[in-house]
């Protein structure tokens, strides 16, 4: 069970029998010692690198995979930081006390006041620093409700910010090294879109302004493809990482991909550097101020299933393939402890999968594009609804876990009107053709509800009754079963042009469609225990000198709950900033300075 994780993660950290990996491209570092070494290149790691380099430290960022950015690069790019200056300027909710009330009520008695206070009190400071001293730029979402609007202290807007779009060509040749989003999350094989763009595409047949917006995007994308493998207009997580990477490079940070750290170098109980796997053998790099672990957590590990009970056999993680717990293994080997007793060890999201003609599996996380839209429902293996489909992705999977033998996997259903207007999963709205998805079985099509029941393997009478009850509610605009469309969050995810309930419409126009959905996750919440300075802690609560953990390597300050959009990236940026400042202070303080010999 949970108590075995540290032991299991510590296994195979030795050097015997491990396969040596070639450093890509004959990588040559400029030096053998740095002030700070960062393992991982997501938002938290890059924020630490930018902050440390700005304050004069020499910084090395190492990424194990061939592309930098990690899970941050394929994320929605939203950050959740209460009390930010953008909210205050827009006269939106900027109350830290209200946010503290919300978090404490949601997390409950297991909340770490020290970590929450550090996040709340320094989040806006970190954001202001990064916006003033890097290329990061955000705008506040005027309407972006928290995921638990029923909890005291929740807010309808002001805490969530989205990154501004960015020109990827500013990365030069290194644009090719930026992790690309999954194909299913882009249009036309390589064009990125954000929430605003998606709404314009949905409206382009009824709005001249939306049509112009879409034509502008497509025109730029066509030009980009003359010289690039994909579009250079970056949005969401790609824009976030590209902005940080460009800033880090401009500050002299060395960023290398394809480099594997085999162990941490420890002297006298202090982390002094990292040992790397190279073609010539193991190579040690000194880190005078310490090492920041930002390797992305354990979501893609082969044995991660033992820490996500009540998930189905088809469970899929959206974590990059390299996020297999490297940072956690290294930290455990150096004496750091892992968190215990989280509400969830992972951040949940329902995921559908499709196998293409070449045998490659494509995963689609059902986050914001379909579940809340009118005319779409989710049914379990009995043909019954079991959840408010418009609730957050994390809550949706939690409902699947209530009765996993009944609710997981499930199916999303819609009629032709809803599919044409909004799409569903990988299926695109009109005028796109989804014939290929029908042919390979991803999109299940039927002429009647009874036929659809047969095709998805549920009782036809039960499904007919479910649809009839839903349709009667939808006609009135009130979901009497699960309250779909009653919360501000639900409504913000629906169709604002559909009345009276933006989340409800009868499902009655044939043909009818279904997509099979399994449990999934966006990454791991359980990680390395830290203090309010992001310093790794041992089992007795003592800091491991010279070792920091941020991002998904850091044990969730939300204790495995999911309060709102961007609750992983917001803390990642904040504690990356905090960790760097602590490392800077260590270099100037002889009492806390890591005392390591030259390697």
Foldseek 3Di string as FASTA:
>chain_A
DVVCVLVVLQPPLDDPPDDFFAFPPNDDDPDQAWQEEEEAQALLRLLLLLLLLVVPTAYEYEAQAQAGHFLLQQDQQKAFAAQAPLCVVVVFHRDLVLVVQQLCQVLDPVFDPQQSCLRNVCLNVLVVVCVVQFVWDKHWDQAFWWQCPVGGSTGRTDRMIFTDKDQLCLVPPSSVRHDAHFQLQAPPRAQHDHPVLLVLVLCVVPDVVSVVVVVVSVVQQVVCVVPDNHHRTGTGSNRSSSRSVSSSVVSVYHYGYNKDFSAFDDDPLAGFFTWIRHPVGIRTGGHFLFYEYENFAAAQAPPCVVQAPLFDPPAAAPGPNRRHCPSQNRCSNSFFDWDDDFPGQFQKFKKFWFQDPVRDIGIFTPFQQAQLEAFKAKAWQQLAGQAQSLRGRSVVVVSCSVDVVTPFWIKMKGALVRCQSGNDTSRHHPPDDPVRCCVRPQKPKDFDQQVVCVVVNHDSVSNVVRLVLQQVCLVVQADPPHGQQPDSSSQVRFQPVDPDGRRHHRRDHDIMIMGTITMYGHGTQMAFEAGNLQFGAHPVGHGRARYGYAQSNYHHSSSNDRTGPNSRSSRSSSNSSSNSVSSVVLVVDPVRTDDDDDD
